């Protein structure tokens, strides 16, 4: 397995996108999941508990590219609220999992 440096691939901006919706039907989720997974900028996608319904981790080269992604997302599916938080610094990142639970 190879780990790639996002900054060298012009993907140096990480955005955490919190999404809320009033739609919770299976049909809506199927469409939403299809739309989101088709975006190459989305590298992680979670259904959440609490106030946020879904959380995306998006990687882009700059703010303009994120705005382009955002506009395409809100055009493609009906959402109640989209809130974006830009990572200022990545302090820890790993793909390893703790083995002491096995």
PDB file of N, CA and C in Angstrom:
ATOM      1  N   UNK A   1       0.845  -1.172   0.000  1.00  0.00           N
ATOM      2  CA  UNK A   1       0.000   0.000   0.000  1.00  0.00           C
ATOM      3  C   UNK A   1       0.892   1.236   0.000  1.00  0.00           C
ATOM      4  N   UNK A   2       0.523   2.208  -0.818  1.00  0.00           N
ATOM      5  CA  UNK A   2       1.263   3.463  -0.887  1.00  0.00           C
ATOM      6  C   UNK A   2       0.412   4.591  -0.329  1.00  0.00           C
ATOM      7  N   UNK A   3       1.029   5.470   0.444  1.00  0.00           N
ATOM      8  CA  UNK A   3       0.353   6.672   0.932  1.00  0.00           C
ATOM      9  C   UNK A   3       0.832   7.847   0.095  1.00  0.00           C
ATOM     10  N   UNK A   4      -0.102   8.616  -0.409  1.00  0.00           N
ATOM     11  CA  UNK A   4       0.221   9.731  -1.288  1.00  0.00           C
ATOM     12  C   UNK A   4       0.191  11.045  -0.524  1.00  0.00           C
ATOM     13  N   UNK A   5       1.059  11.964  -0.917  1.00  0.00           N
ATOM     14  CA  UNK A   5       1.118  13.292  -0.318  1.00  0.00           C
ATOM     15  C   UNK A   5       0.141  14.200  -1.058  1.00  0.00           C
ATOM     16  N   UNK A   6      -0.951  14.581  -0.384  1.00  0.00           N
ATOM     17  CA  UNK A   6      -1.985  15.392  -1.013  1.00  0.00           C
ATOM     18  C   UNK A   6      -1.489  16.721  -1.538  1.00  0.00           C
ATOM     19  N   UNK A   7      -0.528  17.335  -0.855  1.00  0.00           N
ATOM     20  CA  UNK A   7      -0.029  18.627  -1.320  1.00  0.00           C
ATOM     21  C   UNK A   7       0.726  18.479  -2.635  1.00  0.00           C
ATOM     22  N   UNK A   8       1.423  17.370  -2.816  1.00  0.00           N
ATOM     23  CA  UNK A   8       2.137  17.137  -4.075  1.00  0.00           C
ATOM     24  C   UNK A   8       1.184  16.799  -5.216  1.00  0.00           C
ATOM     25  N   UNK A   9      -0.033  16.377  -4.870  1.00  0.00           N
ATOM     26  CA  UNK A   9      -1.047  16.056  -5.874  1.00  0.00           C
ATOM     27  C   UNK A   9      -2.052  17.194  -6.048  1.00  0.00           C
ATOM     28  N   UNK A  10      -1.720  18.373  -5.515  1.00  0.00           N
ATOM     29  CA  UNK A  10      -2.573  19.558  -5.588  1.00  0.00           C
ATOM     30  C   UNK A  10      -3.918  19.339  -4.889  1.00  0.00           C
ATOM     31  N   UNK A  11      -3.892  18.621  -3.788  1.00  0.00           N
ATOM     32  CA  UNK A  11      -5.090  18.400  -2.959  1.00  0.00           C
ATOM     33  C   UNK A  11      -4.776  18.787  -1.524  1.00  0.00           C
ATOM     34  N   UNK A  12      -4.244  19.973  -1.326  1.00  0.00           N
ATOM     35  CA  UNK A  12      -3.751  20.373  -0.017  1.00  0.00           C
ATOM     36  C   UNK A  12      -4.772  20.958   0.937  1.00  0.00           C
ATOM     37  N   UNK A  13      -6.006  21.174   0.486  1.00  0.00           N
ATOM     38  CA  UNK A  13      -7.032  21.753   1.353  1.00  0.00           C
ATOM     39  C   UNK A  13      -8.011  20.654   1.760  1.00  0.00           C
ATOM     40  N   UNK A  14      -8.148  20.456   3.069  1.00  0.00           N
ATOM     41  CA  UNK A  14      -9.092  19.470   3.604  1.00  0.00           C
ATOM     42  C   UNK A  14     -10.266  20.208   4.229  1.00  0.00           C
ATOM     43  N   UNK A  15     -11.472  19.785   3.844  1.00  0.00           N
ATOM     44  CA  UNK A  15     -12.693  20.414   4.334  1.00  0.00           C
ATOM     45  C   UNK A  15     -13.582  19.337   4.944  1.00  0.00           C
ATOM     46  N   UNK A  16     -14.049  19.585   6.159  1.00  0.00           N
ATOM     47  CA  UNK A  16     -15.024  18.706   6.794  1.00  0.00           C
ATOM     48  C   UNK A  16     -16.392  19.347   6.586  1.00  0.00           C
ATOM     49  N   UNK A  17     -17.278  18.622   5.924  1.00  0.00           N
ATOM     50  CA  UNK A  17     -18.579  19.156   5.536  1.00  0.00           C
ATOM     51  C   UNK A  17     -19.661  18.458   6.352  1.00  0.00           C
ATOM     52  N   UNK A  18     -20.343  19.220   7.195  1.00  0.00           N
ATOM     53  CA  UNK A  18     -21.452  18.704   8.003  1.00  0.00           C
ATOM     54  C   UNK A  18     -22.747  18.987   7.261  1.00  0.00           C
ATOM     55  N   UNK A  19     -23.556  17.952   7.112  1.00  0.00           N
ATOM     56  CA  UNK A  19     -24.797  18.068   6.342  1.00  0.00           C
ATOM     57  C   UNK A  19     -25.975  17.678   7.214  1.00  0.00           C
ATOM     58  N   UNK A  20     -27.014  18.503   7.143  1.00  0.00           N
ATOM     59  CA  UNK A  20     -28.283  18.169   7.802  1.00  0.00           C
ATOM     60  C   UNK A  20     -29.370  18.137   6.738  1.00  0.00           C
ATOM     61  N   UNK A  21     -30.324  17.237   6.933  1.00  0.00           N
ATOM     62  CA  UNK A  21     -31.425  17.101   5.995  1.00  0.00           C
ATOM     63  C   UNK A  21     -32.718  16.807   6.735  1.00  0.00           C
ATOM     64  N   UNK A  22     -33.820  17.139   6.099  1.00  0.00           N
ATOM     65  CA  UNK A  22     -35.133  16.764   6.624  1.00  0.00           C
ATOM     66  C   UNK A  22     -35.622  15.468   5.990  1.00  0.00           C
ATOM     67  N   UNK A  23     -34.877  14.968   5.041  1.00  0.00           N
ATOM     68  CA  UNK A  23     -35.238  13.750   4.316  1.00  0.00           C
ATOM     69  C   UNK A  23     -34.541  12.556   4.969  1.00  0.00           C
ATOM     70  N   UNK A  24     -35.305  11.521   5.278  1.00  0.00           N
ATOM     71  CA  UNK A  24     -34.697  10.338   5.888  1.00  0.00           C
ATOM     72  C   UNK A  24     -35.254   9.045   5.304  1.00  0.00           C
ATOM     73  N   UNK A  25     -35.823   9.123   4.109  1.00  0.00           N
ATOM     74  CA  UNK A  25     -36.364   7.919   3.478  1.00  0.00           C
ATOM     75  C   UNK A  25     -35.240   7.121   2.836  1.00  0.00           C
ATOM     76  N   UNK A  26     -35.489   5.853   2.625  1.00  0.00           N
ATOM     77  CA  UNK A  26     -34.499   4.987   1.975  1.00  0.00           C
ATOM     78  C   UNK A  26     -34.216   5.464   0.556  1.00  0.00           C
ATOM     79  N   UNK A  27     -35.246   5.915  -0.151  1.00  0.00           N
ATOM     80  CA  UNK A  27     -35.058   6.384  -1.530  1.00  0.00           C
ATOM     81  C   UNK A  27     -34.178   7.632  -1.570  1.00  0.00           C
ATOM     82  N   UNK A  28     -34.408   8.574  -0.634  1.00  0.00           N
ATOM     83  CA  UNK A  28     -33.586   9.779  -0.599  1.00  0.00           C
ATOM     84  C   UNK A  28     -32.136   9.425  -0.280  1.00  0.00           C
ATOM     85  N   UNK A  29     -31.930   8.558   0.711  1.00  0.00           N
ATOM     86  CA  UNK A  29     -30.568   8.172   1.086  1.00  0.00           C
ATOM     87  C   UNK A  29     -29.857   7.487  -0.070  1.00  0.00           C
ATOM     88  N   UNK A  30     -30.560   6.662  -0.809  1.00  0.00           N
ATOM     89  CA  UNK A  30     -29.949   5.986  -1.964  1.00  0.00           C
ATOM     90  C   UNK A  30     -29.471   7.018  -2.983  1.00  0.00           C
ATOM     91  N   UNK A  31     -30.311   8.010  -3.282  1.00  0.00           N
ATOM     92  CA  UNK A  31     -29.920   9.056  -4.231  1.00  0.00           C
ATOM     93  C   UNK A  31     -28.761   9.882  -3.677  1.00  0.00           C
ATOM     94  N   UNK A  32     -28.864  10.293  -2.415  1.00  0.00           N
ATOM     95  CA  UNK A  32     -27.822  11.104  -1.791  1.00  0.00           C
ATOM     96  C   UNK A  32     -26.485  10.368  -1.793  1.00  0.00           C
ATOM     97  N   UNK A  33     -26.491   9.108  -1.384  1.00  0.00           N
ATOM     98  CA  UNK A  33     -25.255   8.318  -1.359  1.00  0.00           C
ATOM     99  C   UNK A  33     -24.670   8.185  -2.755  1.00  0.00           C
ATOM    100  N   UNK A  34     -25.512   7.998  -3.750  1.00  0.00           N
ATOM    101  CA  UNK A  34     -25.035   7.891  -5.125  1.00  0.00           C
ATOM    102  C   UNK A  34     -24.385   9.191  -5.585  1.00  0.00           C
ATOM    103  N   UNK A  35     -25.021  10.315  -5.280  1.00  0.00           N
ATOM    104  CA  UNK A  35     -24.480  11.625  -5.649  1.00  0.00           C
ATOM    105  C   UNK A  35     -23.138  11.854  -4.964  1.00  0.00           C
ATOM    106  N   UNK A  36     -23.085  11.643  -3.657  1.00  0.00           N
ATOM    107  CA  UNK A  36     -21.871  11.931  -2.890  1.00  0.00           C
ATOM    108  C   UNK A  36     -20.719  11.021  -3.304  1.00  0.00           C
ATOM    109  N   UNK A  37     -20.971   9.739  -3.468  1.00  0.00           N
ATOM    110  CA  UNK A  37     -19.878   8.818  -3.808  1.00  0.00           C
ATOM    111  C   UNK A  37     -19.348   9.040  -5.219  1.00  0.00           C
ATOM    112  N   UNK A  38     -20.109   9.723  -6.065  1.00  0.00           N
ATOM    113  CA  UNK A  38     -19.620  10.042  -7.413  1.00  0.00           C
ATOM    114  C   UNK A  38     -18.646  11.218  -7.436  1.00  0.00           C
ATOM    115  N   UNK A  39     -18.580  11.996  -6.367  1.00  0.00           N
ATOM    116  CA  UNK A  39     -17.644  13.119  -6.308  1.00  0.00           C
ATOM    117  C   UNK A  39     -16.252  12.605  -5.939  1.00  0.00           C
ATOM    118  N   UNK A  40     -15.252  12.760  -6.815  1.00  0.00           N
ATOM    119  CA  UNK A  40     -13.901  12.300  -6.461  1.00  0.00           C
ATOM    120  C   UNK A  40     -13.286  13.093  -5.309  1.00  0.00           C
ATOM    121  N   UNK A  41     -13.773  14.305  -5.066  1.00  0.00           N
ATOM    122  CA  UNK A  41     -13.256  15.133  -3.973  1.00  0.00           C
ATOM    123  C   UNK A  41     -13.604  14.562  -2.604  1.00  0.00           C
ATOM    124  N   UNK A  42     -14.661  13.765  -2.530  1.00  0.00           N
ATOM    125  CA  UNK A  42     -15.093  13.185  -1.254  1.00  0.00           C
ATOM    126  C   UNK A  42     -14.273  11.931  -0.997  1.00  0.00           C
ATOM    127  N   UNK A  43     -13.449  11.967   0.047  1.00  0.00           N
ATOM    128  CA  UNK A  43     -12.591  10.820   0.364  1.00  0.00           C
ATOM    129  C   UNK A  43     -13.101  10.024   1.562  1.00  0.00           C
ATOM    130  N   UNK A  44     -14.022  10.607   2.342  1.00  0.00           N
ATOM    131  CA  UNK A  44     -14.679   9.888   3.434  1.00  0.00           C
ATOM    132  C   UNK A  44     -16.114  10.390   3.535  1.00  0.00           C
ATOM    133  N   UNK A  45     -17.024   9.479   3.931  1.00  0.00           N
ATOM    134  CA  UNK A  45     -18.460   9.787   3.954  1.00  0.00           C
ATOM    135  C   UNK A  45     -19.088   8.968   5.072  1.00  0.00           C
ATOM    136  N   UNK A  46     -19.691   9.645   6.056  1.00  0.00           N
ATOM    137  CA  UNK A  46     -20.247   8.974   7.235  1.00  0.00           C
ATOM    138  C   UNK A  46     -21.683   9.423   7.497  1.00  0.00           C
ATOM    139  N   UNK A  47     -22.523   8.499   7.984  1.00  0.00           N
ATOM    140  CA  UNK A  47     -23.822   8.837   8.565  1.00  0.00           C
ATOM    141  C   UNK A  47     -23.573   8.995  10.056  1.00  0.00           C
ATOM    142  N   UNK A  48     -24.047  10.091  10.638  1.00  0.00           N
ATOM    143  CA  UNK A  48     -23.690  10.459  12.002  1.00  0.00           C
ATOM    144  C   UNK A  48     -24.886  10.400  12.945  1.00  0.00           C
ATOM    145  N   UNK A  49     -24.591  10.388  14.239  1.00  0.00           N
ATOM    146  CA  UNK A  49     -25.611  10.621  15.262  1.00  0.00           C
ATOM    147  C   UNK A  49     -25.480  12.077  15.694  1.00  0.00           C
ATOM    148  N   UNK A  50     -26.487  12.585  16.400  1.00  0.00           N
ATOM    149  CA  UNK A  50     -26.413  13.961  16.886  1.00  0.00           C
ATOM    150  C   UNK A  50     -27.007  14.954  15.906  1.00  0.00           C
ATOM    151  N   UNK A  51     -26.564  16.194  15.984  1.00  0.00           N
ATOM    152  CA  UNK A  51     -27.140  17.266  15.173  1.00  0.00           C
ATOM    153  C   UNK A  51     -26.789  17.169  13.698  1.00  0.00           C
ATOM    154  N   UNK A  52     -25.646  16.601  13.375  1.00  0.00           N
ATOM    155  CA  UNK A  52     -25.230  16.431  11.989  1.00  0.00           C
ATOM    156  C   UNK A  52     -25.706  15.076  11.497  1.00  0.00           C
ATOM    157  N   UNK A  53     -26.321  15.059  10.321  1.00  0.00           N
ATOM    158  CA  UNK A  53     -26.789  13.790   9.757  1.00  0.00           C
ATOM    159  C   UNK A  53     -25.684  13.054   8.999  1.00  0.00           C
ATOM    160  N   UNK A  54     -24.874  13.813   8.253  1.00  0.00           N
ATOM    161  CA  UNK A  54     -23.805  13.214   7.450  1.00  0.00           C
ATOM    162  C   UNK A  54     -22.561  14.082   7.557  1.00  0.00           C
ATOM    163  N   UNK A  55     -21.406  13.437   7.502  1.00  0.00           N
ATOM    164  CA  UNK A  55     -20.132  14.146   7.547  1.00  0.00           C
ATOM    165  C   UNK A  55     -19.288  13.678   6.375  1.00  0.00           C
ATOM    166  N   UNK A  56     -18.759  14.641   5.626  1.00  0.00           N
ATOM    167  CA  UNK A  56     -17.881  14.345   4.498  1.00  0.00           C
ATOM    168  C   UNK A  56     -16.500  14.907   4.787  1.00  0.00           C
ATOM    169  N   UNK A  57     -15.485  14.190   4.333  1.00  0.00           N
ATOM    170  CA  UNK A  57     -14.134  14.774   4.283  1.00  0.00           C
ATOM    171  C   UNK A  57     -13.828  14.966   2.815  1.00  0.00           C
ATOM    172  N   UNK A  58     -13.572  16.207   2.451  1.00  0.00           N
ATOM    173  CA  UNK A  58     -13.379  16.595   1.059  1.00  0.00           C
ATOM    174  C   UNK A  58     -11.966  17.146   0.914  1.00  0.00           C
ATOM    175  N   UNK A  59     -11.271  16.753  -0.150  1.00  0.00           N
ATOM    176  CA  UNK A  59      -9.944  17.309  -0.424  1.00  0.00           C
ATOM    177  C   UNK A  59      -9.967  18.008  -1.779  1.00  0.00           C
ATOM    178  N   UNK A  60      -9.451  19.228  -1.788  1.00  0.00           N
ATOM    179  CA  UNK A  60      -9.442  20.074  -2.981  1.00  0.00           C
ATOM    180  C   UNK A  60      -8.146  20.886  -3.006  1.00  0.00           C
ATOM    181  N   UNK A  61      -7.822  21.490  -4.154  1.00  0.00           N
ATOM    182  CA  UNK A  61      -6.602  22.297  -4.205  1.00  0.00           C
ATOM    183  C   UNK A  61      -6.731  23.669  -3.557  1.00  0.00           C
ATOM    184  N   UNK A  62      -7.944  24.251  -3.561  1.00  0.00           N
ATOM    185  CA  UNK A  62      -8.097  25.611  -3.041  1.00  0.00           C
ATOM    186  C   UNK A  62      -9.565  25.914  -2.750  1.00  0.00           C
ATOM    187  N   UNK A  63      -9.815  27.111  -2.244  1.00  0.00           N
ATOM    188  CA  UNK A  63     -11.173  27.515  -1.863  1.00  0.00           C
ATOM    189  C   UNK A  63     -12.092  27.560  -3.082  1.00  0.00           C
ATOM    190  N   UNK A  64     -11.590  28.028  -4.208  1.00  0.00           N
ATOM    191  CA  UNK A  64     -12.413  28.087  -5.420  1.00  0.00           C
ATOM    192  C   UNK A  64     -12.871  26.689  -5.835  1.00  0.00           C
ATOM    193  N   UNK A  65     -11.997  25.711  -5.722  1.00  0.00           N
ATOM    194  CA  UNK A  65     -12.366  24.329  -6.058  1.00  0.00           C
ATOM    195  C   UNK A  65     -13.402  23.803  -5.078  1.00  0.00           C
ATOM    196  N   UNK A  66     -13.275  24.177  -3.798  1.00  0.00           N
ATOM    197  CA  UNK A  66     -14.294  23.755  -2.834  1.00  0.00           C
ATOM    198  C   UNK A  66     -15.632  24.399  -3.168  1.00  0.00           C
ATOM    199  N   UNK A  67     -15.635  25.677  -3.510  1.00  0.00           N
ATOM    200  CA  UNK A  67     -16.887  26.350  -3.861  1.00  0.00           C
ATOM    201  C   UNK A  67     -17.542  25.673  -5.064  1.00  0.00           C
ATOM    202  N   UNK A  68     -16.742  25.258  -6.029  1.00  0.00           N
ATOM    203  CA  UNK A  68     -17.267  24.533  -7.185  1.00  0.00           C
ATOM    204  C   UNK A  68     -17.908  23.223  -6.751  1.00  0.00           C
ATOM    205  N   UNK A  69     -17.233  22.485  -5.877  1.00  0.00           N
ATOM    206  CA  UNK A  69     -17.789  21.242  -5.333  1.00  0.00           C
ATOM    207  C   UNK A  69     -19.100  21.523  -4.602  1.00  0.00           C
ATOM    208  N   UNK A  70     -19.101  22.527  -3.739  1.00  0.00           N
ATOM    209  CA  UNK A  70     -20.276  22.887  -2.946  1.00  0.00           C
ATOM    210  C   UNK A  70     -21.471  23.210  -3.849  1.00  0.00           C
ATOM    211  N   UNK A  71     -21.240  24.006  -4.880  1.00  0.00           N
ATOM    212  CA  UNK A  71     -22.324  24.375  -5.797  1.00  0.00           C
ATOM    213  C   UNK A  71     -22.894  23.144  -6.504  1.00  0.00           C
ATOM    214  N   UNK A  72     -22.028  22.241  -6.924  1.00  0.00           N
ATOM    215  CA  UNK A  72     -22.500  21.012  -7.581  1.00  0.00           C
ATOM    216  C   UNK A  72     -23.273  20.131  -6.606  1.00  0.00           C
ATOM    217  N   UNK A  73     -22.833  20.068  -5.351  1.00  0.00           N
ATOM    218  CA  UNK A  73     -23.515  19.256  -4.344  1.00  0.00           C
ATOM    219  C   UNK A  73     -24.925  19.775  -4.077  1.00  0.00           C
ATOM    220  N   UNK A  74     -25.067  21.063  -3.824  1.00  0.00           N
ATOM    221  CA  UNK A  74     -26.390  21.593  -3.486  1.00  0.00           C
ATOM    222  C   UNK A  74     -27.327  21.623  -4.688  1.00  0.00           C
ATOM    223  N   UNK A  75     -26.779  21.611  -5.899  1.00  0.00           N
ATOM    224  CA  UNK A  75     -27.616  21.499  -7.099  1.00  0.00           C
ATOM    225  C   UNK A  75     -28.155  20.085  -7.265  1.00  0.00           C
ATOM    226  N   UNK A  76     -27.379  19.105  -6.823  1.00  0.00           N
ATOM    227  CA  UNK A  76     -27.699  17.703  -7.097  1.00  0.00           C
ATOM    228  C   UNK A  76     -28.712  17.100  -6.140  1.00  0.00           C
ATOM    229  N   UNK A  77     -28.787  17.622  -4.912  1.00  0.00           N
ATOM    230  CA  UNK A  77     -29.650  16.992  -3.910  1.00  0.00           C
ATOM    231  C   UNK A  77     -30.170  18.046  -2.934  1.00  0.00           C
ATOM    232  N   UNK A  78     -31.394  17.840  -2.437  1.00  0.00           N
ATOM    233  CA  UNK A  78     -32.027  18.775  -1.513  1.00  0.00           C
ATOM    234  C   UNK A  78     -31.485  18.563  -0.096  1.00  0.00           C
ATOM    235  N   UNK A  79     -30.873  19.614   0.467  1.00  0.00           N
ATOM    236  CA  UNK A  79     -30.290  19.543   1.807  1.00  0.00           C
ATOM    237  C   UNK A  79     -30.819  20.692   2.655  1.00  0.00           C
ATOM    238  N   UNK A  80     -30.952  20.471   3.971  1.00  0.00           N
ATOM    239  CA  UNK A  80     -31.418  21.524   4.880  1.00  0.00           C
ATOM    240  C   UNK A  80     -30.311  22.500   5.236  1.00  0.00           C
ATOM    241  N   UNK A  81     -29.109  21.970   5.502  1.00  0.00           N
ATOM    242  CA  UNK A  81     -28.004  22.813   5.951  1.00  0.00           C
ATOM    243  C   UNK A  81     -26.683  22.151   5.584  1.00  0.00           C
ATOM    244  N   UNK A  82     -25.765  22.962   5.087  1.00  0.00           N
ATOM    245  CA  UNK A  82     -24.414  22.496   4.778  1.00  0.00           C
ATOM    246  C   UNK A  82     -23.454  23.450   5.468  1.00  0.00           C
ATOM    247  N   UNK A  83     -22.606  22.909   6.332  1.00  0.00           N
ATOM    248  CA  UNK A  83     -21.644  23.716   7.072  1.00  0.00           C
ATOM    249  C   UNK A  83     -20.248  23.164   6.805  1.00  0.00           C
ATOM    250  N   UNK A  84     -19.322  24.053   6.464  1.00  0.00           N
ATOM    251  CA  UNK A  84     -17.976  23.630   6.095  1.00  0.00           C
ATOM    252  C   UNK A  84     -16.950  24.137   7.096  1.00  0.00           C
ATOM    253  N   UNK A  85     -16.038  23.261   7.484  1.00  0.00           N
ATOM    254  CA  UNK A  85     -14.923  23.627   8.359  1.00  0.00           C
ATOM    255  C   UNK A  85     -13.634  23.249   7.652  1.00  0.00           C
ATOM    256  N   UNK A  86     -12.745  24.221   7.502  1.00  0.00           N
ATOM    257  CA  UNK A  86     -11.489  24.004   6.802  1.00  0.00           C
ATOM    258  C   UNK A  86     -10.397  23.646   7.802  1.00  0.00           C
ATOM    259  N   UNK A  87      -9.692  22.558   7.549  1.00  0.00           N
ATOM    260  CA  UNK A  87      -8.599  22.140   8.427  1.00  0.00           C
ATOM    261  C   UNK A  87      -7.446  23.127   8.282  1.00  0.00           C
ATOM    262  N   UNK A  88      -6.999  23.656   9.395  1.00  0.00           N
ATOM    263  CA  UNK A  88      -5.873  24.581   9.397  1.00  0.00           C
ATOM    264  C   UNK A  88      -4.543  23.832   9.399  1.00  0.00           C
ATOM    265  N   UNK A  89      -4.529  22.675  10.078  1.00  0.00           N
ATOM    266  CA  UNK A  89      -3.303  21.885  10.187  1.00  0.00           C
ATOM    267  C   UNK A  89      -3.692  20.447  10.491  1.00  0.00           C
ATOM    268  N   UNK A  90      -3.031  19.518   9.831  1.00  0.00           N
ATOM    269  CA  UNK A  90      -3.239  18.100  10.137  1.00  0.00           C
ATOM    270  C   UNK A  90      -2.208  17.701  11.194  1.00  0.00           C
ATOM    271  N   UNK A  91      -2.681  17.379  12.376  1.00  0.00           N
ATOM    272  CA  UNK A  91      -1.781  17.063  13.480  1.00  0.00           C
ATOM    273  C   UNK A  91      -1.478  15.575  13.530  1.00  0.00           C
ATOM    274  N   UNK A  92      -2.480  14.745  13.287  1.00  0.00           N
ATOM    275  CA  UNK A  92      -2.249  13.300  13.233  1.00  0.00           C
ATOM    276  C   UNK A  92      -3.106  12.711  12.130  1.00  0.00           C
ATOM    277  N   UNK A  93      -2.508  11.823  11.352  1.00  0.00           N
ATOM    278  CA  UNK A  93      -3.232  11.065  10.345  1.00  0.00           C
ATOM    279  C   UNK A  93      -2.571   9.698  10.251  1.00  0.00           C
ATOM    280  N   UNK A  94      -3.368   8.667  10.303  1.00  0.00           N
ATOM    281  CA  UNK A  94      -2.828   7.318  10.161  1.00  0.00           C
ATOM    282  C   UNK A  94      -3.867   6.440   9.483  1.00  0.00           C
ATOM    283  N   UNK A  95      -3.400   5.431   8.800  1.00  0.00           N
ATOM    284  CA  UNK A  95      -4.310   4.432   8.232  1.00  0.00           C
ATOM    285  C   UNK A  95      -4.262   3.147   9.047  1.00  0.00           C
ATOM    286  N   UNK A  96      -3.415   3.119  10.071  1.00  0.00           N
ATOM    287  CA  UNK A  96      -3.312   1.918  10.903  1.00  0.00           C
ATOM    288  C   UNK A  96      -4.468   1.867  11.898  1.00  0.00           C
ATOM    289  N   UNK A  97      -4.778   0.669  12.345  1.00  0.00           N
ATOM    290  CA  UNK A  97      -5.824   0.452  13.345  1.00  0.00           C
ATOM    291  C   UNK A  97      -5.202  -0.131  14.604  1.00  0.00           C
ATOM    292  N   UNK A  98      -5.757   0.161  15.786  1.00  0.00           N
ATOM    293  CA  UNK A  98      -5.217  -0.432  17.013  1.00  0.00           C
ATOM    294  C   UNK A  98      -5.448  -1.942  17.004  1.00  0.00           C
ATOM    295  N   UNK A  99      -4.426  -2.690  17.353  1.00  0.00           N
ATOM    296  CA  UNK A  99      -4.517  -4.152  17.319  1.00  0.00           C
ATOM    297  C   UNK A  99      -4.806  -4.754  18.683  1.00  0.00           C
ATOM    298  N   UNK A 100      -4.828  -3.943  19.720  1.00  0.00           N
ATOM    299  CA  UNK A 100      -5.008  -4.476  21.072  1.00  0.00           C
ATOM    300  C   UNK A 100      -6.457  -4.866  21.377  1.00  0.00           C
ATOM    301  N   UNK A 101      -7.385  -4.705  20.443  1.00  0.00           N
ATOM    302  CA  UNK A 101      -8.777  -5.107  20.657  1.00  0.00           C
ATOM    303  C   UNK A 101      -9.090  -6.455  20.036  1.00  0.00           C
ATOM    304  N   UNK A 102      -8.185  -6.968  19.241  1.00  0.00           N
ATOM    305  CA  UNK A 102      -8.429  -8.228  18.517  1.00  0.00           C
ATOM    306  C   UNK A 102      -8.348  -9.425  19.448  1.00  0.00           C
TER     307      UNK A 102
END
